[in-house]
Amino acid sequence: MIRILCFGDSNTWGYDPETSQRFDNKTRWTQVMLSELGADYEIVEEGMNGRTTVWDDPVDGLMSGLSYLRPCLLSQKPLNIVLLMLGTNDLKDRFCVSAAEIAKSAGRLVQMIQASDAGIEGKAPEVILMAPPPTEKGIDGLGLRQNGYEKSRAFTACYSQIADELGCEFFDVGSVIESSPVDGVHFSAQSHRLLGREMAKLLIKR
């Protein structure tokens, strides 16, 4: 059994921009990926609405992925692979950080995984660092992330550089899907299905 941890925010949790509810198992990209991969794989879904890379949110409370990641690795081991997709919530204006700083923050999580014993036989799991797609000028993008629209356009380059520096695999989510124009941040049902299929293809080729 190949165990994969999907560690992310609301776009891993499955937030529907149309209804604000959670997409079902036939729609979320994590579950679509699992259905494509087959019975030899197991998926651990660890998405949380509002989760950041390293920041505790002064408005919404304890949102730091850094604080939660280590306990998660310990409780879910052994893991073969960790798919890490965070950074969109770091674009909120109240954090005042650049795309490069967000990517470096995601890199801290990669390093935590690489230094862990949460893999097979006490080794570290492999990591695939997923750069979130750029935001669009939806309702949320023009509100919480007034400055995030421009910053998010540098995600691909910044995340790719961090992945190279840390020696982990990189996947550019924005190369296959776009953020929904409904709120500018979340993925549509169609995008979830497409991303799930593309991630399955990536994993099968390994």
N, C-alpha and C. Protein backbone atom coordinates (compact mmCIF):
# COMPACT_ATOMS: atom_id res chain seq x y z
N MET A 1 0.83 -1.19 0.00
CA MET A 1 0.00 0.00 0.00
C MET A 1 0.88 1.25 0.00
N ILE A 2 0.66 2.13 -0.95
CA ILE A 2 1.39 3.39 -1.03
C ILE A 2 0.54 4.47 -0.38
N ARG A 3 1.05 5.05 0.71
CA ARG A 3 0.27 6.02 1.49
C ARG A 3 0.73 7.43 1.14
N ILE A 4 -0.24 8.28 0.81
CA ILE A 4 0.04 9.64 0.38
C ILE A 4 -0.71 10.62 1.29
N LEU A 5 0.03 11.53 1.89
CA LEU A 5 -0.56 12.61 2.68
C LEU A 5 -0.73 13.84 1.80
N CYS A 6 -1.95 14.35 1.74
CA CYS A 6 -2.24 15.59 1.01
C CYS A 6 -2.42 16.69 2.03
N PHE A 7 -1.43 17.55 2.17
CA PHE A 7 -1.41 18.57 3.22
C PHE A 7 -1.62 19.93 2.58
N GLY A 8 -2.74 20.58 2.93
CA GLY A 8 -3.04 21.84 2.27
C GLY A 8 -4.10 22.66 2.99
N ASP A 9 -4.72 23.54 2.22
CA ASP A 9 -5.72 24.46 2.77
C ASP A 9 -7.11 24.09 2.26
N SER A 10 -7.95 25.10 2.04
CA SER A 10 -9.33 24.83 1.63
C SER A 10 -9.42 24.18 0.26
N ASN A 11 -8.41 24.37 -0.58
CA ASN A 11 -8.45 23.74 -1.90
C ASN A 11 -8.06 22.26 -1.83
N THR A 12 -7.50 21.83 -0.72
CA THR A 12 -7.32 20.40 -0.47
C THR A 12 -8.50 19.85 0.30
N TRP A 13 -9.06 20.66 1.17
CA TRP A 13 -10.29 20.27 1.90
C TRP A 13 -11.45 20.08 0.93
N GLY A 14 -11.50 20.90 -0.13
CA GLY A 14 -12.55 20.76 -1.13
C GLY A 14 -13.62 21.82 -1.08
N TYR A 15 -13.26 23.06 -0.80
CA TYR A 15 -14.21 24.16 -0.67
C TYR A 15 -14.83 24.51 -2.02
N ASP A 16 -16.14 24.52 -2.07
CA ASP A 16 -16.88 24.84 -3.30
C ASP A 16 -17.14 26.34 -3.35
N PRO A 17 -16.57 27.08 -4.31
CA PRO A 17 -16.78 28.53 -4.36
C PRO A 17 -18.21 28.93 -4.67
N GLU A 18 -18.98 28.02 -5.20
CA GLU A 18 -20.39 28.33 -5.53
C GLU A 18 -21.29 28.26 -4.30
N THR A 19 -21.02 27.30 -3.40
CA THR A 19 -21.93 27.04 -2.29
C THR A 19 -21.31 27.26 -0.91
N SER A 20 -19.97 27.37 -0.85
CA SER A 20 -19.21 27.46 0.41
C SER A 20 -19.25 26.16 1.20
N GLN A 21 -19.77 25.08 0.59
CA GLN A 21 -19.78 23.77 1.21
C GLN A 21 -18.61 22.94 0.69
N ARG A 22 -18.50 21.70 1.16
CA ARG A 22 -17.41 20.82 0.75
C ARG A 22 -17.85 19.94 -0.42
N PHE A 23 -17.01 19.90 -1.45
CA PHE A 23 -17.27 18.99 -2.55
C PHE A 23 -17.29 17.54 -2.05
N ASP A 24 -18.03 16.69 -2.75
CA ASP A 24 -18.12 15.29 -2.33
C ASP A 24 -16.92 14.48 -2.81
N ASN A 25 -16.93 13.19 -2.47
CA ASN A 25 -15.80 12.31 -2.78
C ASN A 25 -15.58 12.09 -4.26
N LYS A 26 -16.60 12.32 -5.07
CA LYS A 26 -16.45 12.15 -6.51
C LYS A 26 -15.88 13.39 -7.18
N THR A 27 -15.72 14.47 -6.41
CA THR A 27 -15.31 15.74 -6.98
C THR A 27 -13.96 16.23 -6.47
N ARG A 28 -13.68 16.08 -5.16
CA ARG A 28 -12.43 16.59 -4.61
C ARG A 28 -11.22 16.00 -5.33
N TRP A 29 -10.24 16.83 -5.62
CA TRP A 29 -9.09 16.36 -6.40
C TRP A 29 -8.35 15.22 -5.73
N THR A 30 -8.33 15.22 -4.42
CA THR A 30 -7.66 14.14 -3.69
C THR A 30 -8.34 12.79 -3.93
N GLN A 31 -9.66 12.79 -3.93
CA GLN A 31 -10.40 11.55 -4.13
C GLN A 31 -10.44 11.14 -5.60
N VAL A 32 -10.47 12.12 -6.50
CA VAL A 32 -10.37 11.81 -7.93
C VAL A 32 -9.02 11.17 -8.22
N MET A 33 -7.99 11.71 -7.63
CA MET A 33 -6.65 11.14 -7.77
C MET A 33 -6.62 9.69 -7.28
N LEU A 34 -7.22 9.46 -6.12
CA LEU A 34 -7.25 8.10 -5.57
C LEU A 34 -7.99 7.14 -6.50
N SER A 35 -9.11 7.57 -7.05
CA SER A 35 -9.88 6.69 -7.94
C SER A 35 -9.09 6.34 -9.20
N GLU A 36 -8.24 7.27 -9.64
CA GLU A 36 -7.40 7.01 -10.81
C GLU A 36 -6.22 6.09 -10.46
N LEU A 37 -5.72 6.21 -9.25
CA LEU A 37 -4.55 5.43 -8.84
C LEU A 37 -4.89 3.97 -8.56
N GLY A 38 -6.04 3.72 -7.94
CA GLY A 38 -6.46 2.35 -7.70
C GLY A 38 -6.20 1.85 -6.30
N ALA A 39 -6.40 0.55 -6.14
CA ALA A 39 -6.47 -0.07 -4.82
C ALA A 39 -5.12 -0.17 -4.10
N ASP A 40 -4.03 0.06 -4.79
CA ASP A 40 -2.71 -0.03 -4.16
C ASP A 40 -2.33 1.24 -3.43
N TYR A 41 -3.22 2.24 -3.45
CA TYR A 41 -2.90 3.54 -2.85
C TYR A 41 -3.90 3.87 -1.74
N GLU A 42 -3.41 4.62 -0.78
CA GLU A 42 -4.25 5.14 0.29
C GLU A 42 -3.97 6.64 0.43
N ILE A 43 -5.03 7.43 0.54
CA ILE A 43 -4.90 8.88 0.63
C ILE A 43 -5.28 9.35 2.03
N VAL A 44 -4.44 10.20 2.60
CA VAL A 44 -4.77 10.88 3.85
C VAL A 44 -5.05 12.34 3.49
N GLU A 45 -6.31 12.76 3.62
CA GLU A 45 -6.69 14.13 3.31
C GLU A 45 -6.48 15.01 4.53
N GLU A 46 -5.63 15.99 4.41
CA GLU A 46 -5.37 16.90 5.52
C GLU A 46 -5.41 18.34 4.99
N GLY A 47 -6.61 18.76 4.63
CA GLY A 47 -6.83 20.13 4.21
C GLY A 47 -7.62 20.88 5.27
N MET A 48 -7.30 22.15 5.47
CA MET A 48 -8.03 22.96 6.45
C MET A 48 -8.26 24.36 5.88
N ASN A 49 -9.48 24.82 5.97
CA ASN A 49 -9.81 26.15 5.48
C ASN A 49 -9.00 27.21 6.22
N GLY A 50 -8.37 28.11 5.47
CA GLY A 50 -7.61 29.20 6.06
C GLY A 50 -6.18 28.89 6.42
N ARG A 51 -5.75 27.64 6.25
CA ARG A 51 -4.39 27.26 6.67
C ARG A 51 -3.34 28.04 5.88
N THR A 52 -2.34 28.51 6.58
CA THR A 52 -1.19 29.19 6.00
C THR A 52 0.02 28.26 6.01
N THR A 53 1.13 28.76 5.51
CA THR A 53 2.37 27.98 5.61
C THR A 53 2.88 28.00 7.05
N VAL A 54 3.18 29.19 7.56
CA VAL A 54 3.82 29.28 8.88
C VAL A 54 3.16 30.29 9.81
N TRP A 55 2.15 31.01 9.32
CA TRP A 55 1.62 32.14 10.09
C TRP A 55 0.37 31.75 10.90
N ASP A 56 0.37 32.14 12.19
CA ASP A 56 -0.87 32.11 12.96
C ASP A 56 -1.65 33.37 12.61
N ASP A 57 -2.90 33.23 12.26
CA ASP A 57 -3.70 34.33 11.74
C ASP A 57 -4.23 35.19 12.89
N PRO A 58 -3.93 36.50 12.91
CA PRO A 58 -4.40 37.35 14.00
C PRO A 58 -5.91 37.52 14.03
N VAL A 59 -6.57 37.21 12.92
CA VAL A 59 -8.02 37.34 12.85
C VAL A 59 -8.70 35.99 13.06
N ASP A 60 -8.23 34.97 12.34
CA ASP A 60 -8.91 33.67 12.33
C ASP A 60 -8.32 32.65 13.31
N GLY A 61 -7.24 33.00 13.97
CA GLY A 61 -6.71 32.10 14.98
C GLY A 61 -5.60 31.20 14.49
N LEU A 62 -5.51 30.01 15.05
CA LEU A 62 -4.39 29.09 14.81
C LEU A 62 -4.51 28.46 13.43
N MET A 63 -3.77 28.98 12.47
CA MET A 63 -3.85 28.52 11.09
C MET A 63 -2.52 28.01 10.55
N SER A 64 -1.48 28.06 11.34
CA SER A 64 -0.15 27.74 10.85
C SER A 64 0.01 26.26 10.49
N GLY A 65 0.36 26.01 9.24
CA GLY A 65 0.66 24.65 8.82
C GLY A 65 1.90 24.12 9.50
N LEU A 66 2.85 25.01 9.80
CA LEU A 66 4.09 24.59 10.46
C LEU A 66 3.80 23.99 11.83
N SER A 67 2.88 24.58 12.56
CA SER A 67 2.56 24.09 13.90
C SER A 67 1.89 22.72 13.88
N TYR A 68 1.10 22.47 12.82
CA TYR A 68 0.31 21.24 12.78
C TYR A 68 1.02 20.10 12.05
N LEU A 69 1.99 20.44 11.21
CA LEU A 69 2.57 19.42 10.33
C LEU A 69 3.26 18.29 11.08
N ARG A 70 4.10 18.61 12.04
CA ARG A 70 4.84 17.54 12.73
C ARG A 70 3.91 16.56 13.44
N PRO A 71 2.94 17.02 14.24
CA PRO A 71 2.01 16.06 14.83
C PRO A 71 1.28 15.23 13.78
N CYS A 72 0.96 15.84 12.66
CA CYS A 72 0.29 15.12 11.58
C CYS A 72 1.18 14.01 11.03
N LEU A 73 2.43 14.32 10.80
CA LEU A 73 3.37 13.31 10.30
C LEU A 73 3.50 12.15 11.29
N LEU A 74 3.57 12.49 12.56
CA LEU A 74 3.72 11.44 13.58
C LEU A 74 2.49 10.56 13.67
N SER A 75 1.31 11.16 13.52
CA SER A 75 0.09 10.38 13.67
C SER A 75 -0.24 9.56 12.42
N GLN A 76 0.27 9.98 11.27
CA GLN A 76 -0.10 9.32 10.02
C GLN A 76 0.99 8.41 9.45
N LYS A 77 2.17 8.39 10.05
CA LYS A 77 3.23 7.56 9.50
C LYS A 77 2.89 6.08 9.62
N PRO A 78 3.40 5.23 8.72
CA PRO A 78 4.36 5.58 7.68
C PRO A 78 3.70 6.14 6.41
N LEU A 79 4.39 7.08 5.80
CA LEU A 79 3.91 7.72 4.58
C LEU A 79 4.97 7.56 3.48
N ASN A 80 4.52 7.28 2.29
CA ASN A 80 5.44 7.21 1.16
C ASN A 80 5.72 8.58 0.55
N ILE A 81 4.64 9.37 0.42
CA ILE A 81 4.74 10.65 -0.27
C ILE A 81 3.88 11.68 0.46
N VAL A 82 4.36 12.92 0.49
CA VAL A 82 3.57 14.05 0.97
C VAL A 82 3.39 15.03 -0.18
N LEU A 83 2.13 15.32 -0.50
CA LEU A 83 1.81 16.36 -1.48
C LEU A 83 1.51 17.62 -0.69
N LEU A 84 2.30 18.66 -0.88
CA LEU A 84 2.20 19.88 -0.09
C LEU A 84 1.76 21.04 -0.98
N MET A 85 0.58 21.59 -0.70
CA MET A 85 0.08 22.73 -1.46
C MET A 85 -0.47 23.77 -0.49
N LEU A 86 0.34 24.76 -0.18
CA LEU A 86 -0.04 25.86 0.70
C LEU A 86 0.55 27.16 0.17
N GLY A 87 -0.02 28.27 0.60
CA GLY A 87 0.51 29.57 0.22
C GLY A 87 -0.55 30.58 -0.17
N THR A 88 -1.70 30.10 -0.63
CA THR A 88 -2.75 31.03 -1.07
C THR A 88 -3.22 31.92 0.08
N ASN A 89 -3.36 31.37 1.27
CA ASN A 89 -3.82 32.19 2.40
C ASN A 89 -2.74 33.14 2.90
N ASP A 90 -1.48 32.85 2.59
CA ASP A 90 -0.40 33.77 2.94
C ASP A 90 -0.50 35.07 2.14
N LEU A 91 -1.28 35.04 1.06
CA LEU A 91 -1.46 36.24 0.23
C LEU A 91 -2.35 37.29 0.89
N LYS A 92 -3.03 36.93 1.97
CA LYS A 92 -3.89 37.90 2.64
C LYS A 92 -3.08 39.13 3.03
N ASP A 93 -3.66 40.29 2.82
CA ASP A 93 -2.94 41.54 3.01
C ASP A 93 -2.37 41.69 4.42
N ARG A 94 -3.05 41.11 5.42
CA ARG A 94 -2.59 41.31 6.79
C ARG A 94 -1.23 40.65 7.08
N PHE A 95 -0.79 39.73 6.23
CA PHE A 95 0.51 39.09 6.45
C PHE A 95 1.66 39.87 5.83
N CYS A 96 1.38 40.66 4.80
CA CYS A 96 2.39 41.56 4.21
C CYS A 96 3.69 40.83 3.83
N VAL A 97 3.56 39.70 3.13
CA VAL A 97 4.74 38.96 2.71
C VAL A 97 4.74 38.82 1.18
N SER A 98 5.93 38.70 0.61
CA SER A 98 6.08 38.58 -0.83
C SER A 98 5.92 37.13 -1.28
N ALA A 99 5.84 36.94 -2.58
CA ALA A 99 5.75 35.59 -3.13
C ALA A 99 7.00 34.78 -2.79
N ALA A 100 8.15 35.43 -2.83
CA ALA A 100 9.40 34.73 -2.49
C ALA A 100 9.40 34.29 -1.04
N GLU A 101 8.89 35.15 -0.15
CA GLU A 101 8.83 34.79 1.27
C GLU A 101 7.83 33.67 1.51
N ILE A 102 6.73 33.69 0.78
CA ILE A 102 5.74 32.61 0.90
C ILE A 102 6.35 31.28 0.47
N ALA A 103 7.07 31.31 -0.64
CA ALA A 103 7.71 30.09 -1.12
C ALA A 103 8.76 29.57 -0.12
N LYS A 104 9.51 30.49 0.48
CA LYS A 104 10.49 30.08 1.50
C LYS A 104 9.78 29.48 2.72
N SER A 105 8.62 30.03 3.05
CA SER A 105 7.84 29.48 4.16
C SER A 105 7.37 28.07 3.85
N ALA A 106 6.91 27.86 2.60
CA ALA A 106 6.56 26.50 2.19
C ALA A 106 7.77 25.59 2.25
N GLY A 107 8.94 26.15 1.94
CA GLY A 107 10.18 25.38 2.02
C GLY A 107 10.49 24.91 3.43
N ARG A 108 10.10 25.70 4.43
CA ARG A 108 10.29 25.25 5.82
C ARG A 108 9.50 23.98 6.10
N LEU A 109 8.32 23.88 5.52
CA LEU A 109 7.51 22.67 5.69
C LEU A 109 8.15 21.49 4.97
N VAL A 110 8.69 21.75 3.77
CA VAL A 110 9.40 20.69 3.04
C VAL A 110 10.55 20.17 3.88
N GLN A 111 11.30 21.07 4.48
CA GLN A 111 12.44 20.67 5.30
C GLN A 111 12.01 19.86 6.51
N MET A 112 10.88 20.21 7.10
CA MET A 112 10.38 19.45 8.25
C MET A 112 10.05 18.02 7.83
N ILE A 113 9.44 17.87 6.67
CA ILE A 113 9.11 16.54 6.17
C ILE A 113 10.39 15.75 5.88
N GLN A 114 11.34 16.41 5.23
CA GLN A 114 12.59 15.75 4.86
C GLN A 114 13.42 15.34 6.07
N ALA A 115 13.23 16.04 7.18
CA ALA A 115 13.98 15.73 8.40
C ALA A 115 13.25 14.74 9.30
N SER A 116 12.06 14.33 8.90
CA SER A 116 11.25 13.47 9.74
C SER A 116 11.56 11.99 9.52
N ASP A 117 11.01 11.17 10.41
CA ASP A 117 11.12 9.72 10.25
C ASP A 117 9.75 9.13 9.90
N ALA A 118 8.93 9.94 9.22
CA ALA A 118 7.55 9.54 8.94
C ALA A 118 7.40 8.68 7.70
N GLY A 119 8.51 8.35 7.07
CA GLY A 119 8.44 7.51 5.88
C GLY A 119 8.54 6.03 6.19
N ILE A 120 8.84 5.26 5.18
CA ILE A 120 8.97 3.81 5.33
C ILE A 120 10.29 3.48 6.02
N GLU A 121 10.22 2.57 6.98
CA GLU A 121 11.39 2.12 7.73
C GLU A 121 12.13 3.27 8.40
N GLY A 122 11.38 4.26 8.88
CA GLY A 122 11.98 5.34 9.62
C GLY A 122 12.67 6.40 8.79
N LYS A 123 12.56 6.29 7.48
CA LYS A 123 13.15 7.31 6.61
C LYS A 123 12.13 8.43 6.38
N ALA A 124 12.55 9.45 5.68
CA ALA A 124 11.65 10.56 5.39
C ALA A 124 10.80 10.23 4.17
N PRO A 125 9.55 10.69 4.13
CA PRO A 125 8.74 10.52 2.92
C PRO A 125 9.27 11.42 1.81
N GLU A 126 8.95 11.06 0.59
CA GLU A 126 9.22 11.95 -0.52
C GLU A 126 8.24 13.12 -0.46
N VAL A 127 8.63 14.25 -1.02
CA VAL A 127 7.78 15.44 -1.02
C VAL A 127 7.59 15.94 -2.45
N ILE A 128 6.36 16.28 -2.78
CA ILE A 128 6.08 17.00 -4.02
C ILE A 128 5.52 18.36 -3.60
N LEU A 129 6.27 19.42 -3.89
CA LEU A 129 5.85 20.77 -3.57
C LEU A 129 5.00 21.30 -4.72
N MET A 130 3.75 21.60 -4.41
CA MET A 130 2.78 22.05 -5.41
C MET A 130 2.59 23.56 -5.29
N ALA A 131 2.93 24.29 -6.34
CA ALA A 131 2.70 25.73 -6.34
C ALA A 131 1.23 26.01 -6.61
N PRO A 132 0.53 26.71 -5.71
CA PRO A 132 -0.88 27.02 -5.98
C PRO A 132 -1.01 27.87 -7.24
N PRO A 133 -2.14 27.78 -7.91
CA PRO A 133 -2.33 28.61 -9.10
C PRO A 133 -2.52 30.07 -8.71
N PRO A 134 -2.26 31.00 -9.62
CA PRO A 134 -2.51 32.41 -9.31
C PRO A 134 -3.97 32.65 -8.95
N THR A 135 -4.22 33.61 -8.10
CA THR A 135 -5.59 33.99 -7.80
C THR A 135 -6.17 34.80 -8.95
N GLU A 136 -7.47 34.92 -8.95
CA GLU A 136 -8.17 35.75 -9.93
C GLU A 136 -8.87 36.89 -9.20
N LYS A 137 -9.38 37.84 -9.94
CA LYS A 137 -10.00 39.01 -9.30
C LYS A 137 -11.48 38.76 -8.99
N GLY A 138 -11.71 37.72 -8.21
CA GLY A 138 -13.04 37.44 -7.72
C GLY A 138 -13.33 38.27 -6.49
N ILE A 139 -14.45 38.00 -5.85
CA ILE A 139 -14.86 38.77 -4.68
C ILE A 139 -13.81 38.70 -3.58
N ASP A 140 -13.33 37.50 -3.29
CA ASP A 140 -12.35 37.33 -2.23
C ASP A 140 -11.02 37.94 -2.62
N GLY A 141 -10.64 37.76 -3.89
CA GLY A 141 -9.37 38.30 -4.34
C GLY A 141 -9.28 39.80 -4.22
N LEU A 142 -10.40 40.50 -4.37
CA LEU A 142 -10.42 41.95 -4.26
C LEU A 142 -10.66 42.42 -2.83
N GLY A 143 -10.87 41.46 -1.92
CA GLY A 143 -11.13 41.82 -0.53
C GLY A 143 -9.95 41.47 0.35
N LEU A 144 -9.86 40.20 0.75
CA LEU A 144 -8.79 39.78 1.65
C LEU A 144 -7.42 39.86 1.00
N ARG A 145 -7.39 39.71 -0.32
CA ARG A 145 -6.11 39.62 -1.02
C ARG A 145 -5.99 40.73 -2.08
N GLN A 146 -6.16 41.95 -1.64
CA GLN A 146 -6.09 43.09 -2.56
C GLN A 146 -4.76 43.11 -3.32
N ASN A 147 -3.68 42.81 -2.61
CA ASN A 147 -2.35 42.82 -3.22
C ASN A 147 -1.89 41.42 -3.64
N GLY A 148 -2.67 40.41 -3.30
CA GLY A 148 -2.27 39.04 -3.58
C GLY A 148 -2.33 38.66 -5.04
N TYR A 149 -3.18 39.33 -5.80
CA TYR A 149 -3.36 39.01 -7.21
C TYR A 149 -2.02 39.08 -7.95
N GLU A 150 -1.29 40.17 -7.78
CA GLU A 150 -0.01 40.31 -8.46
C GLU A 150 1.05 39.39 -7.86
N LYS A 151 1.06 39.27 -6.55
CA LYS A 151 2.04 38.41 -5.90
C LYS A 151 1.93 36.96 -6.38
N SER A 152 0.69 36.49 -6.51
CA SER A 152 0.48 35.07 -6.84
C SER A 152 1.02 34.71 -8.21
N ARG A 153 1.22 35.68 -9.08
CA ARG A 153 1.76 35.40 -10.40
C ARG A 153 3.23 35.01 -10.38
N ALA A 154 3.87 35.20 -9.25
CA ALA A 154 5.27 34.79 -9.11
C ALA A 154 5.41 33.44 -8.41
N PHE A 155 4.30 32.82 -8.06
CA PHE A 155 4.36 31.56 -7.33
C PHE A 155 5.16 30.48 -8.09
N THR A 156 4.89 30.31 -9.36
CA THR A 156 5.54 29.23 -10.11
C THR A 156 7.05 29.35 -10.03
N ALA A 157 7.57 30.51 -10.34
CA ALA A 157 9.03 30.69 -10.33
C ALA A 157 9.61 30.54 -8.93
N CYS A 158 8.95 31.13 -7.94
CA CYS A 158 9.47 31.10 -6.58
C CYS A 158 9.44 29.70 -5.98
N TYR A 159 8.33 28.99 -6.17
CA TYR A 159 8.21 27.63 -5.63
C TYR A 159 9.16 26.68 -6.35
N SER A 160 9.31 26.84 -7.64
CA SER A 160 10.22 25.99 -8.40
C SER A 160 11.66 26.15 -7.90
N GLN A 161 12.04 27.38 -7.62
CA GLN A 161 13.39 27.63 -7.10
C GLN A 161 13.60 26.97 -5.75
N ILE A 162 12.61 27.07 -4.87
CA ILE A 162 12.72 26.44 -3.55
C ILE A 162 12.81 24.92 -3.69
N ALA A 163 12.01 24.35 -4.57
CA ALA A 163 12.06 22.90 -4.77
C ALA A 163 13.44 22.47 -5.26
N ASP A 164 14.02 23.25 -6.16
CA ASP A 164 15.38 22.94 -6.64
C ASP A 164 16.39 23.01 -5.51
N GLU A 165 16.29 24.04 -4.69
CA GLU A 165 17.23 24.22 -3.59
C GLU A 165 17.14 23.08 -2.58
N LEU A 166 15.93 22.58 -2.36
CA LEU A 166 15.72 21.56 -1.33
C LEU A 166 15.74 20.13 -1.88
N GLY A 167 15.84 20.01 -3.20
CA GLY A 167 15.94 18.68 -3.80
C GLY A 167 14.66 17.88 -3.75
N CYS A 168 13.52 18.57 -3.85
CA CYS A 168 12.24 17.84 -3.88
C CYS A 168 11.57 18.06 -5.23
N GLU A 169 10.59 17.24 -5.51
CA GLU A 169 9.87 17.35 -6.78
C GLU A 169 8.93 18.55 -6.75
N PHE A 170 8.68 19.13 -7.91
CA PHE A 170 7.85 20.33 -8.02
C PHE A 170 6.72 20.08 -9.02
N PHE A 171 5.55 20.61 -8.69
CA PHE A 171 4.43 20.57 -9.63
C PHE A 171 3.74 21.92 -9.65
N ASP A 172 3.56 22.47 -10.83
CA ASP A 172 2.92 23.76 -11.01
C ASP A 172 1.43 23.56 -11.26
N VAL A 173 0.63 23.76 -10.22
CA VAL A 173 -0.81 23.53 -10.34
C VAL A 173 -1.42 24.48 -11.38
N GLY A 174 -0.87 25.69 -11.47
CA GLY A 174 -1.38 26.66 -12.42
C GLY A 174 -1.14 26.29 -13.87
N SER A 175 -0.36 25.26 -14.11
CA SER A 175 -0.14 24.80 -15.49
C SER A 175 -1.29 23.96 -16.01
N VAL A 176 -2.18 23.52 -15.09
CA VAL A 176 -3.28 22.66 -15.51
C VAL A 176 -4.66 23.21 -15.16
N ILE A 177 -4.75 24.07 -14.14
CA ILE A 177 -6.06 24.63 -13.77
C ILE A 177 -5.91 26.11 -13.42
N GLU A 178 -7.06 26.80 -13.31
CA GLU A 178 -7.10 28.18 -12.87
C GLU A 178 -8.01 28.30 -11.64
N SER A 179 -7.77 29.32 -10.85
CA SER A 179 -8.68 29.61 -9.74
C SER A 179 -10.03 30.06 -10.27
N SER A 180 -11.08 29.76 -9.54
CA SER A 180 -12.43 30.10 -9.98
C SER A 180 -12.65 31.61 -9.99
N PRO A 181 -13.26 32.15 -11.04
CA PRO A 181 -13.59 33.58 -11.06
C PRO A 181 -14.71 33.94 -10.08
N VAL A 182 -15.37 32.94 -9.53
CA VAL A 182 -16.47 33.21 -8.59
C VAL A 182 -15.95 33.95 -7.35
N ASP A 183 -14.85 33.42 -6.77
CA ASP A 183 -14.27 34.12 -5.62
C ASP A 183 -12.79 34.42 -5.81
N GLY A 184 -12.22 33.95 -6.91
CA GLY A 184 -10.84 34.26 -7.23
C GLY A 184 -9.81 33.39 -6.56
N VAL A 185 -10.23 32.46 -5.72
CA VAL A 185 -9.30 31.71 -4.88
C VAL A 185 -9.47 30.20 -4.99
N HIS A 186 -10.71 29.73 -4.94
CA HIS A 186 -10.96 28.30 -4.86
C HIS A 186 -11.10 27.65 -6.23
N PHE A 187 -11.10 26.32 -6.24
CA PHE A 187 -11.16 25.56 -7.49
C PHE A 187 -12.60 25.16 -7.78
N SER A 188 -12.97 25.23 -9.05
CA SER A 188 -14.28 24.74 -9.47
C SER A 188 -14.29 23.22 -9.44
N ALA A 189 -15.49 22.63 -9.57
CA ALA A 189 -15.60 21.18 -9.62
C ALA A 189 -14.80 20.62 -10.79
N GLN A 190 -14.87 21.27 -11.93
CA GLN A 190 -14.13 20.81 -13.11
C GLN A 190 -12.63 20.85 -12.86
N SER A 191 -12.17 21.90 -12.21
CA SER A 191 -10.74 22.02 -11.92
C SER A 191 -10.28 20.95 -10.93
N HIS A 192 -11.11 20.65 -9.93
CA HIS A 192 -10.77 19.57 -9.00
C HIS A 192 -10.57 18.26 -9.74
N ARG A 193 -11.49 17.95 -10.62
CA ARG A 193 -11.40 16.68 -11.34
C ARG A 193 -10.16 16.65 -12.24
N LEU A 194 -9.88 17.75 -12.88
CA LEU A 194 -8.72 17.82 -13.77
C LEU A 194 -7.42 17.69 -12.97
N LEU A 195 -7.33 18.40 -11.86
CA LEU A 195 -6.12 18.32 -11.04
C LEU A 195 -5.93 16.91 -10.49
N GLY A 196 -7.00 16.28 -10.05
CA GLY A 196 -6.90 14.92 -9.54
C GLY A 196 -6.36 13.96 -10.58
N ARG A 197 -6.84 14.08 -11.80
CA ARG A 197 -6.36 13.20 -12.88
C ARG A 197 -4.89 13.47 -13.19
N GLU A 198 -4.51 14.74 -13.21
CA GLU A 198 -3.13 15.09 -13.53
C GLU A 198 -2.16 14.63 -12.44
N MET A 199 -2.57 14.75 -11.19
CA MET A 199 -1.70 14.28 -10.11
C MET A 199 -1.56 12.77 -10.13
N ALA A 200 -2.62 12.08 -10.48
CA ALA A 200 -2.54 10.62 -10.60
C ALA A 200 -1.54 10.23 -11.70
N LYS A 201 -1.60 10.92 -12.83
CA LYS A 201 -0.65 10.64 -13.91
C LYS A 201 0.78 10.85 -13.44
N LEU A 202 1.00 11.93 -12.70
CA LEU A 202 2.34 12.21 -12.19
C LEU A 202 2.84 11.10 -11.27
N LEU A 203 1.97 10.63 -10.39
CA LEU A 203 2.37 9.61 -9.43
C LEU A 203 2.58 8.26 -10.10
N ILE A 204 1.78 7.94 -11.07
CA ILE A 204 1.91 6.66 -11.78
C ILE A 204 3.23 6.57 -12.54
N LYS A 205 3.69 7.73 -13.03
CA LYS A 205 4.94 7.75 -13.80
C LYS A 205 6.17 7.57 -12.93
N ARG A 206 6.03 7.70 -11.63
CA ARG A 206 7.19 7.66 -10.74
C ARG A 206 7.82 6.26 -10.70
